[in-house]
PDB file of N, CA and C in Angstrom:
ATOM      1  N   MET A   1     -40.525  -8.456 -14.667  1.00  0.00           N
ATOM      2  CA  MET A   1     -41.562  -6.910 -15.119  1.00  0.00           C
ATOM      3  C   MET A   1     -40.582  -6.281 -13.903  1.00  0.00           C
ATOM      4  N   THR A   2     -40.220  -4.690 -14.964  1.00  0.00           N
ATOM      5  CA  THR A   2     -39.060  -3.421 -14.662  1.00  0.00           C
ATOM      6  C   THR A   2     -40.196  -2.738 -14.223  1.00  0.00           C
ATOM      7  N   THR A   3     -39.737  -1.900 -12.936  1.00  0.00           N
ATOM      8  CA  THR A   3     -40.449  -0.680 -12.220  1.00  0.00           C
ATOM      9  C   THR A   3     -39.828   0.322 -12.770  1.00  0.00           C
ATOM     10  N   ARG A   4     -40.997   0.770 -13.448  1.00  0.00           N
ATOM     11  CA  ARG A   4     -40.412   2.441 -13.910  1.00  0.00           C
ATOM     12  C   ARG A   4     -40.440   3.473 -12.686  1.00  0.00           C
ATOM     13  N   ILE A   5     -39.047   4.236 -13.150  1.00  0.00           N
ATOM     14  CA  ILE A   5     -38.984   5.409 -12.205  1.00  0.00           C
ATOM     15  C   ILE A   5     -39.155   6.974 -12.631  1.00  0.00           C
ATOM     16  N   ASN A   6     -40.143   7.191 -12.372  1.00  0.00           N
ATOM     17  CA  ASN A   6     -40.950   8.342 -12.624  1.00  0.00           C
ATOM     18  C   ASN A   6     -39.415   9.885 -12.628  1.00  0.00           C
ATOM     19  N   ARG A   7     -38.792  10.131 -12.956  1.00  0.00           N
ATOM     20  CA  ARG A   7     -37.497  11.317 -13.121  1.00  0.00           C
ATOM     21  C   ARG A   7     -37.896  12.621 -13.699  1.00  0.00           C
ATOM     22  N   THR A   8     -38.084  13.494 -12.518  1.00  0.00           N
ATOM     23  CA  THR A   8     -39.000  14.822 -13.038  1.00  0.00           C
ATOM     24  C   THR A   8     -37.679  15.730 -12.743  1.00  0.00           C
ATOM     25  N   GLU A   9     -36.542  15.326 -12.296  1.00  0.00           N
ATOM     26  CA  GLU A   9     -35.596  16.515 -12.104  1.00  0.00           C
ATOM     27  C   GLU A   9     -34.663  16.325 -13.668  1.00  0.00           C
ATOM     28  N   LYS A  10     -34.210  17.861 -13.903  1.00  0.00           N
ATOM     29  CA  LYS A  10     -33.482  18.019 -15.619  1.00  0.00           C
ATOM     30  C   LYS A  10     -32.075  18.257 -14.966  1.00  0.00           C
ATOM     31  N   LEU A  11     -31.074  18.000 -16.015  1.00  0.00           N
ATOM     32  CA  LEU A  11     -29.790  18.485 -15.390  1.00  0.00           C
ATOM     33  C   LEU A  11     -29.361  19.155 -17.047  1.00  0.00           C
ATOM     34  N   ASP A  12     -28.971  20.099 -17.690  1.00  0.00           N
ATOM     35  CA  ASP A  12     -28.452  20.459 -18.707  1.00  0.00           C
ATOM     36  C   ASP A  12     -26.524  20.576 -18.608  1.00  0.00           C
ATOM     37  N   LEU A  13     -25.964  20.497 -19.778  1.00  0.00           N
ATOM     38  CA  LEU A  13     -24.850  20.254 -19.778  1.00  0.00           C
ATOM     39  C   LEU A  13     -24.026  20.694 -21.083  1.00  0.00           C
ATOM     40  N   ARG A  14     -22.884  21.617 -21.240  1.00  0.00           N
ATOM     41  CA  ARG A  14     -22.464  22.125 -22.490  1.00  0.00           C
ATOM     42  C   ARG A  14     -21.472  21.028 -22.888  1.00  0.00           C
ATOM     43  N   LEU A  15     -20.854  20.619 -24.043  1.00  0.00           N
ATOM     44  CA  LEU A  15     -19.679  20.154 -23.684  1.00  0.00           C
ATOM     45  C   LEU A  15     -19.369  19.436 -25.155  1.00  0.00           C
ATOM     46  N   THR A  16     -17.962  19.889 -25.169  1.00  0.00           N
ATOM     47  CA  THR A  16     -17.267  19.768 -26.518  1.00  0.00           C
ATOM     48  C   THR A  16     -17.674  18.767 -27.473  1.00  0.00           C
ATOM     49  N   ALA A  17     -18.166  18.483 -29.435  1.00  0.00           N
ATOM     50  CA  ALA A  17     -18.375  17.511 -29.901  1.00  0.00           C
ATOM     51  C   ALA A  17     -17.616  16.401 -29.606  1.00  0.00           C
ATOM     52  N   ASP A  18     -16.468  16.425 -29.402  1.00  0.00           N
ATOM     53  CA  ASP A  18     -15.071  15.313 -29.008  1.00  0.00           C
ATOM     54  C   ASP A  18     -15.540  14.346 -27.707  1.00  0.00           C
ATOM     55  N   ALA A  19     -15.736  14.878 -26.770  1.00  0.00           N
ATOM     56  CA  ALA A  19     -16.729  14.893 -25.343  1.00  0.00           C
ATOM     57  C   ALA A  19     -17.602  13.890 -25.803  1.00  0.00           C
ATOM     58  N   LYS A  20     -18.567  14.680 -26.613  1.00  0.00           N
ATOM     59  CA  LYS A  20     -20.064  13.698 -26.589  1.00  0.00           C
ATOM     60  C   LYS A  20     -20.126  12.699 -27.281  1.00  0.00           C
ATOM     61  N   HIS A  21     -18.564  12.494 -28.499  1.00  0.00           N
ATOM     62  CA  HIS A  21     -18.773  11.846 -29.663  1.00  0.00           C
ATOM     63  C   HIS A  21     -17.711  10.465 -28.341  1.00  0.00           C
ATOM     64  N   THR A  22     -17.155  10.960 -27.301  1.00  0.00           N
ATOM     65  CA  THR A  22     -16.260  10.265 -26.676  1.00  0.00           C
ATOM     66  C   THR A  22     -17.763   9.197 -25.503  1.00  0.00           C
ATOM     67  N   LEU A  23     -18.787   9.847 -25.497  1.00  0.00           N
ATOM     68  CA  LEU A  23     -19.712   8.997 -24.250  1.00  0.00           C
ATOM     69  C   LEU A  23     -21.126   8.444 -25.057  1.00  0.00           C
ATOM     70  N   ALA A  24     -21.008   8.942 -26.484  1.00  0.00           N
ATOM     71  CA  ALA A  24     -21.922   8.213 -27.319  1.00  0.00           C
ATOM     72  C   ALA A  24     -21.388   6.879 -27.650  1.00  0.00           C
ATOM     73  N   ALA A  25     -19.849   6.703 -27.740  1.00  0.00           N
ATOM     74  CA  ALA A  25     -19.270   5.555 -28.056  1.00  0.00           C
ATOM     75  C   ALA A  25     -19.363   4.771 -27.140  1.00  0.00           C
ATOM     76  N   ALA A  26     -19.297   5.040 -25.647  1.00  0.00           N
ATOM     77  CA  ALA A  26     -19.561   4.174 -24.958  1.00  0.00           C
ATOM     78  C   ALA A  26     -19.860   3.969 -24.478  1.00  0.00           C
ATOM     79  N   ALA A  27     -21.297   4.446 -24.656  1.00  0.00           N
ATOM     80  CA  ALA A  27     -22.329   4.400 -24.207  1.00  0.00           C
ATOM     81  C   ALA A  27     -23.223   3.257 -25.159  1.00  0.00           C
ATOM     82  N   GLN A  28     -23.003   3.482 -26.699  1.00  0.00           N
ATOM     83  CA  GLN A  28     -23.058   2.619 -27.116  1.00  0.00           C
ATOM     84  C   GLN A  28     -22.615   1.090 -27.397  1.00  0.00           C
ATOM     85  N   ALA A  29     -21.190   0.959 -27.119  1.00  0.00           N
ATOM     86  CA  ALA A  29     -20.247   0.124 -26.666  1.00  0.00           C
ATOM     87  C   ALA A  29     -21.087  -0.849 -25.093  1.00  0.00           C
ATOM     88  N   GLU A  30     -21.836  -0.294 -24.621  1.00  0.00           N
ATOM     89  CA  GLU A  30     -22.251  -0.950 -22.927  1.00  0.00           C
ATOM     90  C   GLU A  30     -24.264  -1.208 -23.495  1.00  0.00           C
ATOM     91  N   ARG A  31     -24.469  -0.961 -24.902  1.00  0.00           N
ATOM     92  CA  ARG A  31     -25.855  -1.124 -25.489  1.00  0.00           C
ATOM     93  C   ARG A  31     -26.657  -0.080 -24.333  1.00  0.00           C
ATOM     94  N   ARG A  32     -26.735   0.601 -24.293  1.00  0.00           N
ATOM     95  CA  ARG A  32     -27.470   1.965 -23.123  1.00  0.00           C
ATOM     96  C   ARG A  32     -27.701   3.538 -24.092  1.00  0.00           C
ATOM     97  N   SER A  33     -28.765   4.076 -23.678  1.00  0.00           N
ATOM     98  CA  SER A  33     -28.779   5.015 -23.974  1.00  0.00           C
ATOM     99  C   SER A  33     -27.729   6.239 -23.469  1.00  0.00           C
ATOM    100  N   LEU A  34     -27.471   7.651 -24.079  1.00  0.00           N
ATOM    101  CA  LEU A  34     -26.488   8.055 -23.838  1.00  0.00           C
ATOM    102  C   LEU A  34     -26.883   8.688 -22.240  1.00  0.00           C
ATOM    103  N   SER A  35     -28.103   9.287 -22.688  1.00  0.00           N
ATOM    104  CA  SER A  35     -28.639   9.797 -20.703  1.00  0.00           C
ATOM    105  C   SER A  35     -28.361   8.509 -19.913  1.00  0.00           C
ATOM    106  N   GLU A  36     -28.690   7.443 -19.967  1.00  0.00           N
ATOM    107  CA  GLU A  36     -28.746   6.427 -19.285  1.00  0.00           C
ATOM    108  C   GLU A  36     -26.953   6.019 -18.955  1.00  0.00           C
ATOM    109  N   PHE A  37     -26.246   6.328 -19.814  1.00  0.00           N
ATOM    110  CA  PHE A  37     -24.963   5.990 -19.680  1.00  0.00           C
ATOM    111  C   PHE A  37     -24.215   7.176 -18.451  1.00  0.00           C
ATOM    112  N   VAL A  38     -24.479   8.607 -19.136  1.00  0.00           N
ATOM    113  CA  VAL A  38     -23.960   9.943 -18.469  1.00  0.00           C
ATOM    114  C   VAL A  38     -24.520   9.915 -16.759  1.00  0.00           C
ATOM    115  N   LEU A  39     -25.479   9.242 -16.707  1.00  0.00           N
ATOM    116  CA  LEU A  39     -26.427   9.241 -15.645  1.00  0.00           C
ATOM    117  C   LEU A  39     -25.598   8.523 -14.487  1.00  0.00           C
ATOM    118  N   GLU A  40     -25.621   6.936 -15.025  1.00  0.00           N
ATOM    119  CA  GLU A  40     -25.055   5.966 -14.151  1.00  0.00           C
ATOM    120  C   GLU A  40     -23.424   6.514 -13.949  1.00  0.00           C
ATOM    121  N   SER A  41     -22.990   7.173 -14.605  1.00  0.00           N
ATOM    122  CA  SER A  41     -21.094   7.519 -14.547  1.00  0.00           C
ATOM    123  C   SER A  41     -21.197   8.300 -13.828  1.00  0.00           C
ATOM    124  N   ALA A  42     -21.929   9.168 -13.682  1.00  0.00           N
ATOM    125  CA  ALA A  42     -21.815  10.509 -12.930  1.00  0.00           C
ATOM    126  C   ALA A  42     -22.530  10.025 -11.939  1.00  0.00           C
ATOM    127  N   LEU A  43     -23.088   9.256 -11.320  1.00  0.00           N
ATOM    128  CA  LEU A  43     -23.411   9.027  -9.983  1.00  0.00           C
ATOM    129  C   LEU A  43     -22.581   7.837  -9.676  1.00  0.00           C
ATOM    130  N   ASN A  44     -21.991   7.183 -10.196  1.00  0.00           N
ATOM    131  CA  ASN A  44     -21.118   6.026  -9.669  1.00  0.00           C
ATOM    132  C   ASN A  44     -19.482   7.356  -9.341  1.00  0.00           C
ATOM    133  N   ARG A  45     -19.641   8.089  -9.742  1.00  0.00           N
ATOM    134  CA  ARG A  45     -18.147   9.072  -9.622  1.00  0.00           C
ATOM    135  C   ARG A  45     -18.802   9.517  -8.334  1.00  0.00           C
ATOM    136  N   ALA A  46     -19.838  10.044  -8.456  1.00  0.00           N
ATOM    137  CA  ALA A  46     -20.530  11.285  -7.209  1.00  0.00           C
ATOM    138  C   ALA A  46     -20.367  10.142  -5.667  1.00  0.00           C
ATOM    139  N   GLU A  47     -20.419   8.752  -5.424  1.00  0.00           N
ATOM    140  CA  GLU A  47     -20.673   8.217  -5.137  1.00  0.00           C
ATOM    141  C   GLU A  47     -19.297   7.659  -4.003  1.00  0.00           C
ATOM    142  N   GLU A  48     -18.252   7.601  -5.111  1.00  0.00           N
ATOM    143  CA  GLU A  48     -16.948   7.702  -4.971  1.00  0.00           C
ATOM    144  C   GLU A  48     -16.745   8.908  -4.183  1.00  0.00           C
ATOM    145  N   THR A  49     -16.616  10.078  -4.554  1.00  0.00           N
ATOM    146  CA  THR A  49     -16.012  11.196  -4.204  1.00  0.00           C
ATOM    147  C   THR A  49     -17.057  11.813  -3.126  1.00  0.00           C
ATOM    148  N   LEU A  50     -17.922  10.996  -2.894  1.00  0.00           N
ATOM    149  CA  LEU A  50     -18.454  10.935  -0.809  1.00  0.00           C
ATOM    150  C   LEU A  50     -18.252   9.805  -0.373  1.00  0.00           C
ATOM    151  N   ALA A  51     -17.659   8.690  -0.951  1.00  0.00           N
ATOM    152  CA  ALA A  51     -17.295   7.369   0.133  1.00  0.00           C
ATOM    153  C   ALA A  51     -16.884   8.187   1.622  1.00  0.00           C
ATOM    154  N   ASP A  52     -15.803   8.743   1.505  1.00  0.00           N
ATOM    155  CA  ASP A  52     -15.019   8.908   2.257  1.00  0.00           C
ATOM    156  C   ASP A  52     -15.457  10.413   3.334  1.00  0.00           C
ATOM    157  N   ARG A  53     -16.757  10.847   3.251  1.00  0.00           N
ATOM    158  CA  ARG A  53     -17.260  11.782   3.543  1.00  0.00           C
ATOM    159  C   ARG A  53     -18.336  11.348   4.327  1.00  0.00           C
ATOM    160  N   ARG A  54     -18.937  10.446   4.341  1.00  0.00           N
ATOM    161  CA  ARG A  54     -19.908   9.854   4.911  1.00  0.00           C
ATOM    162  C   ARG A  54     -19.627   9.799   6.598  1.00  0.00           C
ATOM    163  N   VAL A  55     -20.608  10.230   7.224  1.00  0.00           N
ATOM    164  CA  VAL A  55     -21.320  10.321   8.603  1.00  0.00           C
ATOM    165  C   VAL A  55     -20.812   8.744   9.346  1.00  0.00           C
ATOM    166  N   PHE A  56     -20.194   8.346  10.287  1.00  0.00           N
ATOM    167  CA  PHE A  56     -20.120   6.966  10.979  1.00  0.00           C
ATOM    168  C   PHE A  56     -20.050   7.394  12.230  1.00  0.00           C
ATOM    169  N   GLN A  57     -20.654   6.560  13.098  1.00  0.00           N
ATOM    170  CA  GLN A  57     -21.006   6.282  14.345  1.00  0.00           C
ATOM    171  C   GLN A  57     -20.457   5.600  15.223  1.00  0.00           C
ATOM    172  N   LEU A  58     -19.407   5.763  16.385  1.00  0.00           N
ATOM    173  CA  LEU A  58     -18.820   4.784  17.099  1.00  0.00           C
ATOM    174  C   LEU A  58     -19.980   5.088  18.657  1.00  0.00           C
ATOM    175  N   PRO A  59     -19.880   3.872  19.687  1.00  0.00           N
ATOM    176  CA  PRO A  59     -20.128   3.957  20.962  1.00  0.00           C
ATOM    177  C   PRO A  59     -19.663   4.721  21.856  1.00  0.00           C
ATOM    178  N   PRO A  60     -19.549   5.401  22.896  1.00  0.00           N
ATOM    179  CA  PRO A  60     -18.411   6.100  23.655  1.00  0.00           C
ATOM    180  C   PRO A  60     -16.968   5.527  23.635  1.00  0.00           C
ATOM    181  N   GLU A  61     -17.156   4.232  24.260  1.00  0.00           N
ATOM    182  CA  GLU A  61     -16.033   3.508  24.258  1.00  0.00           C
ATOM    183  C   GLU A  61     -14.745   3.688  23.155  1.00  0.00           C
ATOM    184  N   GLU A  62     -15.962   3.130  21.892  1.00  0.00           N
ATOM    185  CA  GLU A  62     -14.732   2.858  20.972  1.00  0.00           C
ATOM    186  C   GLU A  62     -14.317   4.743  20.326  1.00  0.00           C
ATOM    187  N   TRP A  63     -15.392   5.342  20.332  1.00  0.00           N
ATOM    188  CA  TRP A  63     -14.938   6.743  19.785  1.00  0.00           C
ATOM    189  C   TRP A  63     -13.966   6.996  20.672  1.00  0.00           C
ATOM    190  N   GLU A  64     -13.573   6.648  22.140  1.00  0.00           N
ATOM    191  CA  GLU A  64     -12.803   7.136  22.882  1.00  0.00           C
ATOM    192  C   GLU A  64     -11.158   6.716  22.693  1.00  0.00           C
ATOM    193  N   ALA A  65     -11.796   5.389  21.997  1.00  0.00           N
ATOM    194  CA  ALA A  65     -10.680   4.653  21.698  1.00  0.00           C
ATOM    195  C   ALA A  65     -10.062   5.104  20.316  1.00  0.00           C
ATOM    196  N   PHE A  66     -10.748   5.544  19.656  1.00  0.00           N
ATOM    197  CA  PHE A  66     -10.736   5.841  18.092  1.00  0.00           C
ATOM    198  C   PHE A  66      -9.938   7.385  18.158  1.00  0.00           C
ATOM    199  N   ILE A  67     -10.172   8.352  19.043  1.00  0.00           N
ATOM    200  CA  ILE A  67      -9.438   9.495  19.332  1.00  0.00           C
ATOM    201  C   ILE A  67      -8.092   9.424  19.768  1.00  0.00           C
ATOM    202  N   PHE A  68      -8.424   8.548  20.568  1.00  0.00           N
ATOM    203  CA  PHE A  68      -6.943   7.844  21.418  1.00  0.00           C
ATOM    204  C   PHE A  68      -5.722   7.795  20.394  1.00  0.00           C
ATOM    205  N   ALA A  69      -6.485   6.548  19.336  1.00  0.00           N
ATOM    206  CA  ALA A  69      -5.528   6.124  18.555  1.00  0.00           C
ATOM    207  C   ALA A  69      -4.946   7.311  17.013  1.00  0.00           C
ATOM    208  N   LEU A  70      -5.741   8.564  17.182  1.00  0.00           N
ATOM    209  CA  LEU A  70      -5.375   9.478  16.116  1.00  0.00           C
ATOM    210  C   LEU A  70      -4.117  10.389  17.050  1.00  0.00           C
ATOM    211  N   ASP A  71      -4.528  10.338  18.066  1.00  0.00           N
ATOM    212  CA  ASP A  71      -3.977  11.543  18.902  1.00  0.00           C
ATOM    213  C   ASP A  71      -2.752  11.042  19.147  1.00  0.00           C
ATOM    214  N   ALA A  72      -2.521   9.658  19.101  1.00  0.00           N
ATOM    215  CA  ALA A  72      -1.036   9.414  19.415  1.00  0.00           C
ATOM    216  C   ALA A  72       0.014   9.818  18.440  1.00  0.00           C
ATOM    217  N   PRO A  73       1.369   9.782  18.745  1.00  0.00           N
ATOM    218  CA  PRO A  73       2.049  10.010  18.208  1.00  0.00           C
ATOM    219  C   PRO A  73       2.111   8.577  17.273  1.00  0.00           C
ATOM    220  N   PRO A  74       3.178   9.003  16.195  1.00  0.00           N
ATOM    221  CA  PRO A  74       3.177   7.806  14.892  1.00  0.00           C
ATOM    222  C   PRO A  74       4.413   6.923  16.030  1.00  0.00           C
ATOM    223  N   ARG A  75       4.125   5.311  14.806  1.00  0.00           N
ATOM    224  CA  ARG A  75       4.693   4.775  15.439  1.00  0.00           C
ATOM    225  C   ARG A  75       6.172   4.337  14.657  1.00  0.00           C
ATOM    226  N   ASP A  76       7.485   4.496  15.460  1.00  0.00           N
ATOM    227  CA  ASP A  76       8.534   3.877  14.597  1.00  0.00           C
ATOM    228  C   ASP A  76       8.717   2.660  13.882  1.00  0.00           C
ATOM    229  N   LEU A  77       8.506   3.085  12.520  1.00  0.00           N
ATOM    230  CA  LEU A  77       8.335   1.817  11.759  1.00  0.00           C
ATOM    231  C   LEU A  77      10.170   1.473  10.980  1.00  0.00           C
ATOM    232  N   PRO A  78      10.973   1.286  11.441  1.00  0.00           N
ATOM    233  CA  PRO A  78      11.827   1.258  10.881  1.00  0.00           C
ATOM    234  C   PRO A  78      11.922   1.090   9.284  1.00  0.00           C
ATOM    235  N   ARG A  79      11.870  -0.356   8.823  1.00  0.00           N
ATOM    236  CA  ARG A  79      11.593  -0.499   7.736  1.00  0.00           C
ATOM    237  C   ARG A  79      11.094   0.397   6.423  1.00  0.00           C
ATOM    238  N   LEU A  80       9.846   0.625   7.183  1.00  0.00           N
ATOM    239  CA  LEU A  80       8.980   1.558   6.362  1.00  0.00           C
ATOM    240  C   LEU A  80      10.090   2.768   6.147  1.00  0.00           C
ATOM    241  N   ARG A  81      10.985   3.576   7.332  1.00  0.00           N
ATOM    242  CA  ARG A  81      11.429   4.559   7.342  1.00  0.00           C
ATOM    243  C   ARG A  81      12.536   4.200   6.005  1.00  0.00           C
ATOM    244  N   GLU A  82      13.548   3.246   5.905  1.00  0.00           N
ATOM    245  CA  GLU A  82      14.366   2.891   5.163  1.00  0.00           C
ATOM    246  C   GLU A  82      14.248   2.864   4.022  1.00  0.00           C
ATOM    247  N   LEU A  83      12.717   2.422   3.527  1.00  0.00           N
ATOM    248  CA  LEU A  83      11.669   2.324   2.156  1.00  0.00           C
ATOM    249  C   LEU A  83      11.690   3.637   1.750  1.00  0.00           C
ATOM    250  N   LEU A  84      10.927   4.255   2.621  1.00  0.00           N
ATOM    251  CA  LEU A  84      10.595   6.051   2.039  1.00  0.00           C
ATOM    252  C   LEU A  84      12.017   6.688   1.599  1.00  0.00           C
ATOM    253  N   ASN A  85      13.323   6.371   1.931  1.00  0.00           N
ATOM    254  CA  ASN A  85      14.433   7.211   2.053  1.00  0.00           C
ATOM    255  C   ASN A  85      15.122   6.316   0.529  1.00  0.00           C
ATOM    256  N   GLU A  86      14.573   5.216  -0.311  1.00  0.00           N
ATOM    257  CA  GLU A  86      15.058   4.820  -1.388  1.00  0.00           C
ATOM    258  C   GLU A  86      14.305   5.498  -2.443  1.00  0.00           C
ATOM    259  N   PRO A  87      15.967   5.970  -2.966  1.00  0.00           N
ATOM    260  CA  PRO A  87      15.559   6.729  -4.594  1.00  0.00           C
ATOM    261  C   PRO A  87      14.006   6.126  -5.149  1.00  0.00           C
ATOM    262  N   SER A  88      13.058   6.762  -5.632  1.00  0.00           N
ATOM    263  CA  SER A  88      12.108   6.143  -6.713  1.00  0.00           C
ATOM    264  C   SER A  88      12.390   5.976  -8.283  1.00  0.00           C
ATOM    265  N   VAL A  89      12.198   5.041  -8.520  1.00  0.00           N
ATOM    266  CA  VAL A  89      12.437   4.487  -9.547  1.00  0.00           C
ATOM    267  C   VAL A  89      12.320   5.103 -10.987  1.00  0.00           C
ATOM    268  N   PHE A  90      10.837   6.386 -10.258  1.00  0.00           N
ATOM    269  CA  PHE A  90      10.783   7.396 -11.479  1.00  0.00           C
ATOM    270  C   PHE A  90      11.679   8.799 -11.348  1.00  0.00           C
ATOM    271  N   SER A  91      12.186   8.673 -10.399  1.00  0.00           N
ATOM    272  CA  SER A  91      13.054   9.879 -10.065  1.00  0.00           C
ATOM    273  C   SER A  91      14.542  10.109 -11.304  1.00  0.00           C
ATOM    274  N   GLY A  92      15.200   9.341 -11.011  1.00  0.00           N
ATOM    275  CA  GLY A  92      16.195   8.799 -11.870  1.00  0.00           C
ATOM    276  C   GLY A  92      17.615   9.324 -10.838  1.00  0.00           C
ATOM    277  N   ASP A  93      17.441   9.582  -9.515  1.00  0.00           N
ATOM    278  CA  ASP A  93      18.333   9.649  -8.637  1.00  0.00           C
ATOM    279  C   ASP A  93      18.946   8.732  -8.242  1.00  0.00           C
ATOM    280  N   LYS A  94      20.345   8.224  -8.573  1.00  0.00           N
ATOM    281  CA  LYS A  94      21.084   7.307  -7.990  1.00  0.00           C
ATOM    282  C   LYS A  94      21.553   7.279  -6.669  1.00  0.00           C
ATOM    283  N   ARG A  95      20.945   7.665  -5.705  1.00  0.00           N
ATOM    284  CA  ARG A  95      21.519   7.451  -4.471  1.00  0.00           C
ATOM    285  C   ARG A  95      22.272   6.114  -3.625  1.00  0.00           C
ATOM    286  N   THR A  96      23.013   5.918  -2.959  1.00  0.00           N
ATOM    287  CA  THR A  96      23.131   4.657  -2.406  1.00  0.00           C
ATOM    288  C   THR A  96      23.520   4.290  -1.094  1.00  0.00           C
TER     289      THR A  96
END
């Protein structure tokens, strides 16, 4: 048995015909209504966006350790420094 959720809020949006066609094709591919597909996709993206903005709490001693770690100077990691100084495969830079 499926529980039906009463949706009382409405969201209107304007989009191009191409955008609507793309969304409708994706919804059809997943055998969902356009509204279901758009709502689920938007909610998933919203959760991703908010994931790193959630409040977290620590006991006082762990909070102090956390703050200490944030305030500590960066450690010298020679291998990482060397890697970051190598030319990028995308830059075309031929440093040696």
